[in-house]
Amino acid sequence: MKKMIIFDPAMCCSTGVCGPGVDKELLRMSTFINTLNKKGILIERYNLSSNPQIFVDNKEINEILNTKGMDALPVIMVDGIVIKEGGYPTNAEICELLELPLSYLKVDIKKPDKGCECKGGCC
């Protein structure tokens, strides 16, 4: 299985999805990563403010930051190779990079049992 690591810019929390003005792109990434995690696919994600040592220890990330600065973040790596800088890949691109079918994006919603007396089985 391929390994994806996301090196995020400094954010207030691990996902950046907090506060009154949530960035839609961070929300998309967080939702996508959670969906994959529930299906057993682990994507590592590091935030510069919460995990600064990882940015120092990874020679390639350190070099990118030293030469291009913070505008290069986020940086996406797959199997140790930088595949994108300065933005997040689309969901379809991530599936392609990790060799996963797009069906992994579907969320299974279970309908309640018939005993709930709701019309059409939905409360």
PDB file of N, CA and C in Angstrom:
ATOM      1  N   MET A   1       0.841  -1.179   0.000  1.00  0.00           N
ATOM      2  CA  MET A   1       0.000   0.000   0.000  1.00  0.00           C
ATOM      3  C   MET A   1       0.887   1.242   0.000  1.00  0.00           C
ATOM      4  N   LYS A   2       0.510   2.228  -0.783  1.00  0.00           N
ATOM      5  CA  LYS A   2       1.271   3.462  -0.870  1.00  0.00           C
ATOM      6  C   LYS A   2       1.047   4.301   0.383  1.00  0.00           C
ATOM      7  N   LYS A   3       2.048   5.121   0.700  1.00  0.00           N
ATOM      8  CA  LYS A   3       1.980   5.947   1.901  1.00  0.00           C
ATOM      9  C   LYS A   3       1.976   7.416   1.510  1.00  0.00           C
ATOM     10  N   MET A   4       0.931   8.143   1.926  1.00  0.00           N
ATOM     11  CA  MET A   4       0.835   9.578   1.677  1.00  0.00           C
ATOM     12  C   MET A   4       1.074  10.336   2.971  1.00  0.00           C
ATOM     13  N   ILE A   5       1.875  11.391   2.867  1.00  0.00           N
ATOM     14  CA  ILE A   5       2.111  12.287   3.991  1.00  0.00           C
ATOM     15  C   ILE A   5       1.801  13.698   3.522  1.00  0.00           C
ATOM     16  N   ILE A   6       1.035  14.418   4.336  1.00  0.00           N
ATOM     17  CA  ILE A   6       0.695  15.808   4.046  1.00  0.00           C
ATOM     18  C   ILE A   6       1.402  16.680   5.072  1.00  0.00           C
ATOM     19  N   PHE A   7       2.189  17.632   4.580  1.00  0.00           N
ATOM     20  CA  PHE A   7       2.865  18.603   5.431  1.00  0.00           C
ATOM     21  C   PHE A   7       2.109  19.918   5.288  1.00  0.00           C
ATOM     22  N   ASP A   8       1.267  20.211   6.278  1.00  0.00           N
ATOM     23  CA  ASP A   8       0.406  21.393   6.256  1.00  0.00           C
ATOM     24  C   ASP A   8       1.142  22.627   6.765  1.00  0.00           C
ATOM     25  N   PRO A   9       0.674  23.812   6.372  1.00  0.00           N
ATOM     26  CA  PRO A   9       1.212  25.035   6.968  1.00  0.00           C
ATOM     27  C   PRO A   9       0.796  25.121   8.432  1.00  0.00           C
ATOM     28  N   ALA A  10       1.298  26.105   9.141  1.00  0.00           N
ATOM     29  CA  ALA A  10       0.932  26.301  10.541  1.00  0.00           C
ATOM     30  C   ALA A  10      -0.565  26.582  10.633  1.00  0.00           C
ATOM     31  N   MET A  11      -1.238  25.834  11.507  1.00  0.00           N
ATOM     32  CA  MET A  11      -2.673  26.004  11.720  1.00  0.00           C
ATOM     33  C   MET A  11      -2.954  25.940  13.216  1.00  0.00           C
ATOM     34  N   CYS A  12      -4.128  26.408  13.594  1.00  0.00           N
ATOM     35  CA  CYS A  12      -4.480  26.461  15.014  1.00  0.00           C
ATOM     36  C   CYS A  12      -4.740  25.083  15.624  1.00  0.00           C
ATOM     37  N   CYS A  13      -5.101  24.109  14.782  1.00  0.00           N
ATOM     38  CA  CYS A  13      -5.341  22.749  15.273  1.00  0.00           C
ATOM     39  C   CYS A  13      -4.842  21.760  14.223  1.00  0.00           C
ATOM     40  N   SER A  14      -4.949  20.488  14.501  1.00  0.00           N
ATOM     41  CA  SER A  14      -4.361  19.475  13.613  1.00  0.00           C
ATOM     42  C   SER A  14      -4.964  19.446  12.214  1.00  0.00           C
ATOM     43  N   THR A  15      -6.218  19.877  12.071  1.00  0.00           N
ATOM     44  CA  THR A  15      -6.866  19.840  10.757  1.00  0.00           C
ATOM     45  C   THR A  15      -7.100  21.217  10.163  1.00  0.00           C
ATOM     46  N   GLY A  16      -7.050  22.257  10.993  1.00  0.00           N
ATOM     47  CA  GLY A  16      -7.360  23.599  10.519  1.00  0.00           C
ATOM     48  C   GLY A  16      -8.847  23.852  10.390  1.00  0.00           C
ATOM     49  N   VAL A  17      -9.654  22.877  10.789  1.00  0.00           N
ATOM     50  CA  VAL A  17     -11.109  22.993  10.674  1.00  0.00           C
ATOM     51  C   VAL A  17     -11.682  23.382  12.029  1.00  0.00           C
ATOM     52  N   CYS A  18     -11.470  24.628  12.386  1.00  0.00           N
ATOM     53  CA  CYS A  18     -11.978  25.125  13.659  1.00  0.00           C
ATOM     54  C   CYS A  18     -12.210  26.625  13.531  1.00  0.00           C
ATOM     55  N   GLY A  19     -12.863  27.190  14.493  1.00  0.00           N
ATOM     56  CA  GLY A  19     -13.128  28.621  14.465  1.00  0.00           C
ATOM     57  C   GLY A  19     -14.328  28.962  13.602  1.00  0.00           C
ATOM     58  N   PRO A  20     -14.659  30.246  13.544  1.00  0.00           N
ATOM     59  CA  PRO A  20     -15.862  30.670  12.829  1.00  0.00           C
ATOM     60  C   PRO A  20     -15.732  30.660  11.305  1.00  0.00           C
ATOM     61  N   GLY A  21     -14.532  30.803  10.768  1.00  0.00           N
ATOM     62  CA  GLY A  21     -14.349  30.852   9.312  1.00  0.00           C
ATOM     63  C   GLY A  21     -13.581  29.647   8.815  1.00  0.00           C
ATOM     64  N   VAL A  22     -14.272  28.557   8.567  1.00  0.00           N
ATOM     65  CA  VAL A  22     -13.621  27.314   8.160  1.00  0.00           C
ATOM     66  C   VAL A  22     -13.285  27.362   6.669  1.00  0.00           C
ATOM     67  N   ASP A  23     -12.030  27.046   6.342  1.00  0.00           N
ATOM     68  CA  ASP A  23     -11.568  26.970   4.956  1.00  0.00           C
ATOM     69  C   ASP A  23     -12.165  25.724   4.317  1.00  0.00           C
ATOM     70  N   LYS A  24     -12.879  25.903   3.202  1.00  0.00           N
ATOM     71  CA  LYS A  24     -13.563  24.782   2.552  1.00  0.00           C
ATOM     72  C   LYS A  24     -12.578  23.713   2.073  1.00  0.00           C
ATOM     73  N   GLU A  25     -11.404  24.123   1.657  1.00  0.00           N
ATOM     74  CA  GLU A  25     -10.408  23.156   1.179  1.00  0.00           C
ATOM     75  C   GLU A  25      -9.894  22.298   2.340  1.00  0.00           C
ATOM     76  N   LEU A  26      -9.677  22.903   3.502  1.00  0.00           N
ATOM     77  CA  LEU A  26      -9.251  22.133   4.678  1.00  0.00           C
ATOM     78  C   LEU A  26     -10.361  21.194   5.142  1.00  0.00           C
ATOM     79  N   LEU A  27     -11.604  21.646   5.039  1.00  0.00           N
ATOM     80  CA  LEU A  27     -12.739  20.800   5.401  1.00  0.00           C
ATOM     81  C   LEU A  27     -12.822  19.602   4.456  1.00  0.00           C
ATOM     82  N   ARG A  28     -12.626  19.837   3.154  1.00  0.00           N
ATOM     83  CA  ARG A  28     -12.645  18.746   2.177  1.00  0.00           C
ATOM     84  C   ARG A  28     -11.556  17.726   2.492  1.00  0.00           C
ATOM     85  N   MET A  29     -10.350  18.210   2.758  1.00  0.00           N
ATOM     86  CA  MET A  29      -9.243  17.298   3.054  1.00  0.00           C
ATOM     87  C   MET A  29      -9.499  16.505   4.331  1.00  0.00           C
ATOM     88  N   SER A  30      -9.985  17.166   5.349  1.00  0.00           N
ATOM     89  CA  SER A  30     -10.256  16.489   6.612  1.00  0.00           C
ATOM     90  C   SER A  30     -11.325  15.417   6.445  1.00  0.00           C
ATOM     91  N   THR A  31     -12.391  15.742   5.719  1.00  0.00           N
ATOM     92  CA  THR A  31     -13.464  14.778   5.465  1.00  0.00           C
ATOM     93  C   THR A  31     -12.949  13.599   4.651  1.00  0.00           C
ATOM     94  N   PHE A  32     -12.181  13.894   3.624  1.00  0.00           N
ATOM     95  CA  PHE A  32     -11.630  12.849   2.761  1.00  0.00           C
ATOM     96  C   PHE A  32     -10.714  11.917   3.553  1.00  0.00           C
ATOM     97  N   ILE A  33      -9.822  12.488   4.351  1.00  0.00           N
ATOM     98  CA  ILE A  33      -8.884  11.692   5.148  1.00  0.00           C
ATOM     99  C   ILE A  33      -9.647  10.833   6.159  1.00  0.00           C
ATOM    100  N   ASN A  34     -10.657  11.402   6.799  1.00  0.00           N
ATOM    101  CA  ASN A  34     -11.458  10.626   7.760  1.00  0.00           C
ATOM    102  C   ASN A  34     -12.180   9.473   7.079  1.00  0.00           C
ATOM    103  N   THR A  35     -12.709   9.717   5.875  1.00  0.00           N
ATOM    104  CA  THR A  35     -13.383   8.657   5.126  1.00  0.00           C
ATOM    105  C   THR A  35     -12.419   7.518   4.818  1.00  0.00           C
ATOM    106  N   LEU A  36     -11.212   7.863   4.363  1.00  0.00           N
ATOM    107  CA  LEU A  36     -10.214   6.823   4.063  1.00  0.00           C
ATOM    108  C   LEU A  36      -9.762   6.100   5.332  1.00  0.00           C
ATOM    109  N   ASN A  37      -9.565   6.845   6.422  1.00  0.00           N
ATOM    110  CA  ASN A  37      -9.151   6.222   7.680  1.00  0.00           C
ATOM    111  C   ASN A  37     -10.160   5.171   8.138  1.00  0.00           C
ATOM    112  N   LYS A  38     -11.451   5.477   7.982  1.00  0.00           N
ATOM    113  CA  LYS A  38     -12.496   4.528   8.379  1.00  0.00           C
ATOM    114  C   LYS A  38     -12.466   3.266   7.524  1.00  0.00           C
ATOM    115  N   LYS A  39     -11.849   3.365   6.352  1.00  0.00           N
ATOM    116  CA  LYS A  39     -11.740   2.211   5.457  1.00  0.00           C
ATOM    117  C   LYS A  39     -10.355   1.564   5.536  1.00  0.00           C
ATOM    118  N   GLY A  40      -9.577   1.966   6.555  1.00  0.00           N
ATOM    119  CA  GLY A  40      -8.284   1.340   6.787  1.00  0.00           C
ATOM    120  C   GLY A  40      -7.117   1.930   6.017  1.00  0.00           C
ATOM    121  N   ILE A  41      -7.324   3.052   5.341  1.00  0.00           N
ATOM    122  CA  ILE A  41      -6.254   3.718   4.594  1.00  0.00           C
ATOM    123  C   ILE A  41      -5.746   4.870   5.443  1.00  0.00           C
ATOM    124  N   LEU A  42      -4.495   4.821   5.841  1.00  0.00           N
ATOM    125  CA  LEU A  42      -3.922   5.846   6.703  1.00  0.00           C
ATOM    126  C   LEU A  42      -3.160   6.872   5.876  1.00  0.00           C
ATOM    127  N   ILE A  43      -3.507   8.127   6.058  1.00  0.00           N
ATOM    128  CA  ILE A  43      -2.763   9.243   5.479  1.00  0.00           C
ATOM    129  C   ILE A  43      -2.209  10.026   6.651  1.00  0.00           C
ATOM    130  N   GLU A  44      -0.888  10.182   6.687  1.00  0.00           N
ATOM    131  CA  GLU A  44      -0.269  10.952   7.755  1.00  0.00           C
ATOM    132  C   GLU A  44      -0.386  12.430   7.410  1.00  0.00           C
ATOM    133  N   ARG A  45      -0.618  13.237   8.431  1.00  0.00           N
ATOM    134  CA  ARG A  45      -0.791  14.668   8.222  1.00  0.00           C
ATOM    135  C   ARG A  45      -0.105  15.411   9.358  1.00  0.00           C
ATOM    136  N   TYR A  46       0.799  16.318   8.990  1.00  0.00           N
ATOM    137  CA  TYR A  46       1.552  17.068   9.984  1.00  0.00           C
ATOM    138  C   TYR A  46       1.355  18.557   9.767  1.00  0.00           C
ATOM    139  N   ASN A  47       1.179  19.260  10.853  1.00  0.00           N
ATOM    140  CA  ASN A  47       0.932  20.691  10.876  1.00  0.00           C
ATOM    141  C   ASN A  47       2.199  21.364  11.405  1.00  0.00           C
ATOM    142  N   LEU A  48       2.666  22.382  10.729  1.00  0.00           N
ATOM    143  CA  LEU A  48       3.927  23.037  11.099  1.00  0.00           C
ATOM    144  C   LEU A  48       3.923  23.552  12.536  1.00  0.00           C
ATOM    145  N   SER A  49       2.807  24.077  13.019  1.00  0.00           N
ATOM    146  CA  SER A  49       2.789  24.603  14.388  1.00  0.00           C
ATOM    147  C   SER A  49       2.721  23.501  15.442  1.00  0.00           C
ATOM    148  N   SER A  50       2.111  22.354  15.116  1.00  0.00           N
ATOM    149  CA  SER A  50       1.991  21.259  16.084  1.00  0.00           C
ATOM    150  C   SER A  50       3.134  20.257  16.006  1.00  0.00           C
ATOM    151  N   ASN A  51       3.749  20.099  14.837  1.00  0.00           N
ATOM    152  CA  ASN A  51       4.788  19.088  14.621  1.00  0.00           C
ATOM    153  C   ASN A  51       6.018  19.675  13.924  1.00  0.00           C
ATOM    154  N   PRO A  52       6.608  20.747  14.449  1.00  0.00           N
ATOM    155  CA  PRO A  52       7.712  21.398  13.725  1.00  0.00           C
ATOM    156  C   PRO A  52       8.932  20.502  13.524  1.00  0.00           C
ATOM    157  N   GLN A  53       9.195  19.594  14.438  1.00  0.00           N
ATOM    158  CA  GLN A  53      10.393  18.759  14.333  1.00  0.00           C
ATOM    159  C   GLN A  53      10.358  17.856  13.104  1.00  0.00           C
ATOM    160  N   ILE A  54       9.176  17.396  12.723  1.00  0.00           N
ATOM    161  CA  ILE A  54       9.048  16.536  11.534  1.00  0.00           C
ATOM    162  C   ILE A  54       9.467  17.298  10.282  1.00  0.00           C
ATOM    163  N   PHE A  55       9.169  18.595  10.233  1.00  0.00           N
ATOM    164  CA  PHE A  55       9.558  19.423   9.095  1.00  0.00           C
ATOM    165  C   PHE A  55      11.081  19.612   9.050  1.00  0.00           C
ATOM    166  N   VAL A  56      11.690  19.644  10.206  1.00  0.00           N
ATOM    167  CA  VAL A  56      13.157  19.770  10.295  1.00  0.00           C
ATOM    168  C   VAL A  56      13.822  18.443   9.950  1.00  0.00           C
ATOM    169  N   ASP A  57      13.281  17.344  10.462  1.00  0.00           N
ATOM    170  CA  ASP A  57      13.891  16.030  10.279  1.00  0.00           C
ATOM    171  C   ASP A  57      13.797  15.497   8.848  1.00  0.00           C
ATOM    172  N   ASN A  58      12.745  15.861   8.138  1.00  0.00           N
ATOM    173  CA  ASN A  58      12.589  15.397   6.764  1.00  0.00           C
ATOM    174  C   ASN A  58      13.440  16.302   5.862  1.00  0.00           C
ATOM    175  N   LYS A  59      14.527  15.761   5.333  1.00  0.00           N
ATOM    176  CA  LYS A  59      15.489  16.568   4.564  1.00  0.00           C
ATOM    177  C   LYS A  59      14.857  17.249   3.360  1.00  0.00           C
ATOM    178  N   GLU A  60      13.975  16.542   2.661  1.00  0.00           N
ATOM    179  CA  GLU A  60      13.363  17.114   1.458  1.00  0.00           C
ATOM    180  C   GLU A  60      12.416  18.271   1.809  1.00  0.00           C
ATOM    181  N   ILE A  61      11.615  18.091   2.841  1.00  0.00           N
ATOM    182  CA  ILE A  61      10.699  19.148   3.276  1.00  0.00           C
ATOM    183  C   ILE A  61      11.488  20.344   3.795  1.00  0.00           C
ATOM    184  N   ASN A  62      12.530  20.064   4.559  1.00  0.00           N
ATOM    185  CA  ASN A  62      13.389  21.126   5.086  1.00  0.00           C
ATOM    186  C   ASN A  62      13.994  21.940   3.939  1.00  0.00           C
ATOM    187  N   GLU A  63      14.468  21.261   2.906  1.00  0.00           N
ATOM    188  CA  GLU A  63      15.066  21.935   1.741  1.00  0.00           C
ATOM    189  C   GLU A  63      14.021  22.786   1.012  1.00  0.00           C
ATOM    190  N   ILE A  64      12.832  22.260   0.844  1.00  0.00           N
ATOM    191  CA  ILE A  64      11.764  23.016   0.182  1.00  0.00           C
ATOM    192  C   ILE A  64      11.464  24.291   0.955  1.00  0.00           C
ATOM    193  N   LEU A  65      11.329  24.181   2.267  1.00  0.00           N
ATOM    194  CA  LEU A  65      11.037  25.361   3.085  1.00  0.00           C
ATOM    195  C   LEU A  65      12.176  26.380   3.053  1.00  0.00           C
ATOM    196  N   ASN A  66      13.413  25.890   3.049  1.00  0.00           N
ATOM    197  CA  ASN A  66      14.565  26.797   3.018  1.00  0.00           C
ATOM    198  C   ASN A  66      14.711  27.507   1.679  1.00  0.00           C
ATOM    199  N   THR A  67      14.319  26.867   0.596  1.00  0.00           N
ATOM    200  CA  THR A  67      14.480  27.485  -0.721  1.00  0.00           C
ATOM    201  C   THR A  67      13.232  28.221  -1.203  1.00  0.00           C
ATOM    202  N   LYS A  68      12.048  27.702  -0.876  1.00  0.00           N
ATOM    203  CA  LYS A  68      10.808  28.289  -1.396  1.00  0.00           C
ATOM    204  C   LYS A  68       9.972  29.000  -0.343  1.00  0.00           C
ATOM    205  N   GLY A  69      10.251  28.741   0.921  1.00  0.00           N
ATOM    206  CA  GLY A  69       9.510  29.388   1.998  1.00  0.00           C
ATOM    207  C   GLY A  69       8.173  28.726   2.294  1.00  0.00           C
ATOM    208  N   MET A  70       7.410  29.391   3.140  1.00  0.00           N
ATOM    209  CA  MET A  70       6.133  28.846   3.616  1.00  0.00           C
ATOM    210  C   MET A  70       5.077  28.744   2.518  1.00  0.00           C
ATOM    211  N   ASP A  71       5.227  29.497   1.440  1.00  0.00           N
ATOM    212  CA  ASP A  71       4.256  29.425   0.348  1.00  0.00           C
ATOM    213  C   ASP A  71       4.248  28.061  -0.337  1.00  0.00           C
ATOM    214  N   ALA A  72       5.278  27.256  -0.111  1.00  0.00           N
ATOM    215  CA  ALA A  72       5.338  25.914  -0.702  1.00  0.00           C
ATOM    216  C   ALA A  72       4.392  24.946   0.009  1.00  0.00           C
ATOM    217  N   LEU A  73       3.935  25.308   1.214  1.00  0.00           N
ATOM    218  CA  LEU A  73       3.027  24.438   1.970  1.00  0.00           C
ATOM    219  C   LEU A  73       1.594  24.627   1.493  1.00  0.00           C
ATOM    220  N   PRO A  74       0.782  23.589   1.498  1.00  0.00           N
ATOM    221  CA  PRO A  74       1.113  22.237   1.899  1.00  0.00           C
ATOM    222  C   PRO A  74       1.974  21.520   0.860  1.00  0.00           C
ATOM    223  N   VAL A  75       2.754  20.557   1.354  1.00  0.00           N
ATOM    224  CA  VAL A  75       3.542  19.683   0.488  1.00  0.00           C
ATOM    225  C   VAL A  75       2.993  18.273   0.668  1.00  0.00           C
ATOM    226  N   ILE A  76       2.756  17.611  -0.445  1.00  0.00           N
ATOM    227  CA  ILE A  76       2.204  16.260  -0.421  1.00  0.00           C
ATOM    228  C   ILE A  76       3.270  15.291  -0.916  1.00  0.00           C
ATOM    229  N   MET A  77       3.528  14.252  -0.125  1.00  0.00           N
ATOM    230  CA  MET A  77       4.491  13.214  -0.506  1.00  0.00           C
ATOM    231  C   MET A  77       3.771  11.871  -0.605  1.00  0.00           C
ATOM    232  N   VAL A  78       4.167  11.073  -1.588  1.00  0.00           N
ATOM    233  CA  VAL A  78       3.690   9.690  -1.700  1.00  0.00           C
ATOM    234  C   VAL A  78       4.924   8.817  -1.832  1.00  0.00           C
ATOM    235  N   ASP A  79       5.049   7.876  -0.902  1.00  0.00           N
ATOM    236  CA  ASP A  79       6.207   6.976  -0.863  1.00  0.00           C
ATOM    237  C   ASP A  79       7.525   7.745  -0.915  1.00  0.00           C
ATOM    238  N   GLY A  80       7.591   8.854  -0.173  1.00  0.00           N
ATOM    239  CA  GLY A  80       8.822   9.627  -0.054  1.00  0.00           C
ATOM    240  C   GLY A  80       9.116  10.564  -1.206  1.00  0.00           C
ATOM    241  N   ILE A  81       8.209  10.669  -2.174  1.00  0.00           N
ATOM    242  CA  ILE A  81       8.419  11.539  -3.330  1.00  0.00           C
ATOM    243  C   ILE A  81       7.417  12.693  -3.274  1.00  0.00           C
ATOM    244  N   VAL A  82       7.909  13.919  -3.406  1.00  0.00           N
ATOM    245  CA  VAL A  82       7.026  15.084  -3.422  1.00  0.00           C
ATOM    246  C   VAL A  82       6.232  15.064  -4.723  1.00  0.00           C
ATOM    247  N   ILE A  83       4.910  15.090  -4.588  1.00  0.00           N
ATOM    248  CA  ILE A  83       4.063  15.066  -5.781  1.00  0.00           C
ATOM    249  C   ILE A  83       3.307  16.378  -5.982  1.00  0.00           C
ATOM    250  N   LYS A  84       3.257  17.213  -4.934  1.00  0.00           N
ATOM    251  CA  LYS A  84       2.561  18.492  -5.072  1.00  0.00           C
ATOM    252  C   LYS A  84       3.034  19.446  -3.993  1.00  0.00           C
ATOM    253  N   GLU A  85       3.168  20.719  -4.382  1.00  0.00           N
ATOM    254  CA  GLU A  85       3.528  21.784  -3.451  1.00  0.00           C
ATOM    255  C   GLU A  85       2.541  22.933  -3.602  1.00  0.00           C
ATOM    256  N   GLY A  86       2.263  23.612  -2.486  1.00  0.00           N
ATOM    257  CA  GLY A  86       1.459  24.827  -2.533  1.00  0.00           C
ATOM    258  C   GLY A  86      -0.036  24.629  -2.687  1.00  0.00           C
ATOM    259  N   GLY A  87      -0.522  23.417  -2.567  1.00  0.00           N
ATOM    260  CA  GLY A  87      -1.950  23.141  -2.670  1.00  0.00           C
ATOM    261  C   GLY A  87      -2.235  21.668  -2.452  1.00  0.00           C
ATOM    262  N   TYR A  88      -3.502  21.382  -2.270  1.00  0.00           N
ATOM    263  CA  TYR A  88      -3.914  20.006  -2.031  1.00  0.00           C
ATOM    264  C   TYR A  88      -4.378  19.359  -3.332  1.00  0.00           C
ATOM    265  N   PRO A  89      -4.099  18.069  -3.512  1.00  0.00           N
ATOM    266  CA  PRO A  89      -4.624  17.368  -4.680  1.00  0.00           C
ATOM    267  C   PRO A  89      -6.143  17.182  -4.544  1.00  0.00           C
ATOM    268  N   THR A  90      -6.797  16.987  -5.669  1.00  0.00           N
ATOM    269  CA  THR A  90      -8.228  16.694  -5.630  1.00  0.00           C
ATOM    270  C   THR A  90      -8.434  15.301  -5.050  1.00  0.00           C
ATOM    271  N   ASN A  91      -9.669  14.988  -4.691  1.00  0.00           N
ATOM    272  CA  ASN A  91      -9.974  13.650  -4.176  1.00  0.00           C
ATOM    273  C   ASN A  91      -9.638  12.585  -5.216  1.00  0.00           C
ATOM    274  N   ALA A  92      -9.983  12.853  -6.468  1.00  0.00           N
ATOM    275  CA  ALA A  92      -9.696  11.891  -7.539  1.00  0.00           C
ATOM    276  C   ALA A  92      -8.188  11.704  -7.703  1.00  0.00           C
ATOM    277  N   GLU A  93      -7.419  12.790  -7.604  1.00  0.00           N
ATOM    278  CA  GLU A  93      -5.956  12.683  -7.711  1.00  0.00           C
ATOM    279  C   GLU A  93      -5.387  11.843  -6.573  1.00  0.00           C
ATOM    280  N   ILE A  94      -5.914  12.031  -5.381  1.00  0.00           N
ATOM    281  CA  ILE A  94      -5.433  11.251  -4.234  1.00  0.00           C
ATOM    282  C   ILE A  94      -5.730   9.772  -4.453  1.00  0.00           C
ATOM    283  N   CYS A  95      -6.937   9.464  -4.899  1.00  0.00           N
ATOM    284  CA  CYS A  95      -7.275   8.058  -5.173  1.00  0.00           C
ATOM    285  C   CYS A  95      -6.326   7.485  -6.219  1.00  0.00           C
ATOM    286  N   GLU A  96      -6.049   8.245  -7.258  1.00  0.00           N
ATOM    287  CA  GLU A  96      -5.140   7.772  -8.307  1.00  0.00           C
ATOM    288  C   GLU A  96      -3.732   7.564  -7.754  1.00  0.00           C
ATOM    289  N   LEU A  97      -3.248   8.514  -6.964  1.00  0.00           N
ATOM    290  CA  LEU A  97      -1.903   8.402  -6.398  1.00  0.00           C
ATOM    291  C   LEU A  97      -1.759   7.212  -5.454  1.00  0.00           C
ATOM    292  N   LEU A  98      -2.835   6.934  -4.711  1.00  0.00           N
ATOM    293  CA  LEU A  98      -2.803   5.817  -3.761  1.00  0.00           C
ATOM    294  C   LEU A  98      -3.306   4.520  -4.379  1.00  0.00           C
ATOM    295  N   GLU A  99      -3.624   4.578  -5.671  1.00  0.00           N
ATOM    296  CA  GLU A  99      -4.133   3.410  -6.402  1.00  0.00           C
ATOM    297  C   GLU A  99      -5.378   2.835  -5.744  1.00  0.00           C
ATOM    298  N   LEU A 100      -6.320   3.740  -5.433  1.00  0.00           N
ATOM    299  CA  LEU A 100      -7.590   3.364  -4.822  1.00  0.00           C
ATOM    300  C   LEU A 100      -8.717   3.670  -5.795  1.00  0.00           C
ATOM    301  N   PRO A 101      -9.764   2.843  -5.805  1.00  0.00           N
ATOM    302  CA  PRO A 101     -10.912   3.164  -6.659  1.00  0.00           C
ATOM    303  C   PRO A 101     -11.672   4.363  -6.090  1.00  0.00           C
ATOM    304  N   LEU A 102     -12.306   5.130  -6.952  1.00  0.00           N
ATOM    305  CA  LEU A 102     -13.102   6.275  -6.497  1.00  0.00           C
ATOM    306  C   LEU A 102     -14.234   5.856  -5.572  1.00  0.00           C
ATOM    307  N   SER A 103     -14.616   4.582  -5.611  1.00  0.00           N
ATOM    308  CA  SER A 103     -15.687   4.090  -4.742  1.00  0.00           C
ATOM    309  C   SER A 103     -15.315   4.220  -3.264  1.00  0.00           C
ATOM    310  N   TYR A 104     -14.034   4.384  -2.957  1.00  0.00           N
ATOM    311  CA  TYR A 104     -13.623   4.580  -1.568  1.00  0.00           C
ATOM    312  C   TYR A 104     -14.161   5.888  -1.005  1.00  0.00           C
ATOM    313  N   LEU A 105     -14.604   6.782  -1.860  1.00  0.00           N
ATOM    314  CA  LEU A 105     -15.140   8.064  -1.408  1.00  0.00           C
ATOM    315  C   LEU A 105     -16.569   7.957  -0.915  1.00  0.00           C
ATOM    316  N   LYS A 106     -17.259   6.902  -1.310  1.00  0.00           N
ATOM    317  CA  LYS A 106     -18.650   6.751  -0.919  1.00  0.00           C
ATOM    318  C   LYS A 106     -18.744   6.477   0.570  1.00  0.00           C
ATOM    319  N   VAL A 107     -19.694   7.143   1.201  1.00  0.00           N
ATOM    320  CA  VAL A 107     -19.926   6.963   2.623  1.00  0.00           C
ATOM    321  C   VAL A 107     -21.148   6.073   2.778  1.00  0.00           C
ATOM    322  N   ASP A 108     -21.003   5.013   3.562  1.00  0.00           N
ATOM    323  CA  ASP A 108     -22.115   4.099   3.796  1.00  0.00           C
ATOM    324  C   ASP A 108     -23.028   4.673   4.870  1.00  0.00           C
ATOM    325  N   ILE A 109     -24.281   4.932   4.509  1.00  0.00           N
ATOM    326  CA  ILE A 109     -25.265   5.441   5.460  1.00  0.00           C
ATOM    327  C   ILE A 109     -26.281   4.334   5.693  1.00  0.00           C
ATOM    328  N   LYS A 110     -26.411   3.956   6.938  1.00  0.00           N
ATOM    329  CA  LYS A 110     -27.340   2.884   7.279  1.00  0.00           C
ATOM    330  C   LYS A 110     -28.697   3.478   7.618  1.00  0.00           C
ATOM    331  N   LYS A 111     -29.720   2.924   7.020  1.00  0.00           N
ATOM    332  CA  LYS A 111     -31.082   3.342   7.334  1.00  0.00           C
ATOM    333  C   LYS A 111     -31.511   2.650   8.615  1.00  0.00           C
ATOM    334  N   PRO A 112     -32.359   3.302   9.390  1.00  0.00           N
ATOM    335  CA  PRO A 112     -32.825   2.674  10.632  1.00  0.00           C
ATOM    336  C   PRO A 112     -33.715   1.469  10.329  1.00  0.00           C
ATOM    337  N   ASP A 113     -33.789   0.577  11.303  1.00  0.00           N
ATOM    338  CA  ASP A 113     -34.684  -0.575  11.171  1.00  0.00           C
ATOM    339  C   ASP A 113     -36.122  -0.106  11.020  1.00  0.00           C
ATOM    340  N   LYS A 114     -36.988  -0.979  10.476  1.00  0.00           N
ATOM    341  CA  LYS A 114     -38.379  -0.611  10.215  1.00  0.00           C
ATOM    342  C   LYS A 114     -39.155  -0.277  11.483  1.00  0.00           C
ATOM    343  N   GLY A 115     -38.708  -0.652  12.634  1.00  0.00           N
ATOM    344  CA  GLY A 115     -39.454  -0.457  13.870  1.00  0.00           C
ATOM    345  C   GLY A 115     -39.527   0.970  14.359  1.00  0.00           C
ATOM    346  N   CYS A 116     -38.972   1.941  13.637  1.00  0.00           N
ATOM    347  CA  CYS A 116     -38.943   3.315  14.149  1.00  0.00           C
ATOM    348  C   CYS A 116     -40.200   4.108  13.785  1.00  0.00           C
ATOM    349  N   GLU A 117     -41.105   3.551  12.980  1.00  0.00           N
ATOM    350  CA  GLU A 117     -42.362   4.172  12.560  1.00  0.00           C
ATOM    351  C   GLU A 117     -42.170   5.467  11.774  1.00  0.00           C
ATOM    352  N   CYS A 118     -41.052   5.613  11.122  1.00  0.00           N
ATOM    353  CA  CYS A 118     -40.825   6.786  10.287  1.00  0.00           C
ATOM    354  C   CYS A 118     -41.276   6.480   8.867  1.00  0.00           C
ATOM    355  N   LYS A 119     -41.753   7.479   8.176  1.00  0.00           N
ATOM    356  CA  LYS A 119     -42.179   7.298   6.794  1.00  0.00           C
ATOM    357  C   LYS A 119     -40.946   7.065   5.919  1.00  0.00           C
ATOM    358  N   GLY A 120     -40.970   6.019   5.133  1.00  0.00           N
ATOM    359  CA  GLY A 120     -39.866   5.725   4.229  1.00  0.00           C
ATOM    360  C   GLY A 120     -38.633   5.205   4.930  1.00  0.00           C
ATOM    361  N   GLY A 121     -38.702   4.944   6.240  1.00  0.00           N
ATOM    362  CA  GLY A 121     -37.562   4.416   6.963  1.00  0.00           C
ATOM    363  C   GLY A 121     -36.531   5.449   7.372  1.00  0.00           C
ATOM    364  N   CYS A 122     -36.830   6.731   7.191  1.00  0.00           N
ATOM    365  CA  CYS A 122     -35.879   7.796   7.567  1.00  0.00           C
ATOM    366  C   CYS A 122     -36.502   8.689   8.615  1.00  0.00           C
ATOM    367  N   CYS A 123     -35.799   8.914   9.677  1.00  0.00           N
ATOM    368  CA  CYS A 123     -36.312   9.780  10.743  1.00  0.00           C
ATOM    369  C   CYS A 123     -35.824  11.204  10.570  1.00  0.00           C
TER     370      CYS A 123
END
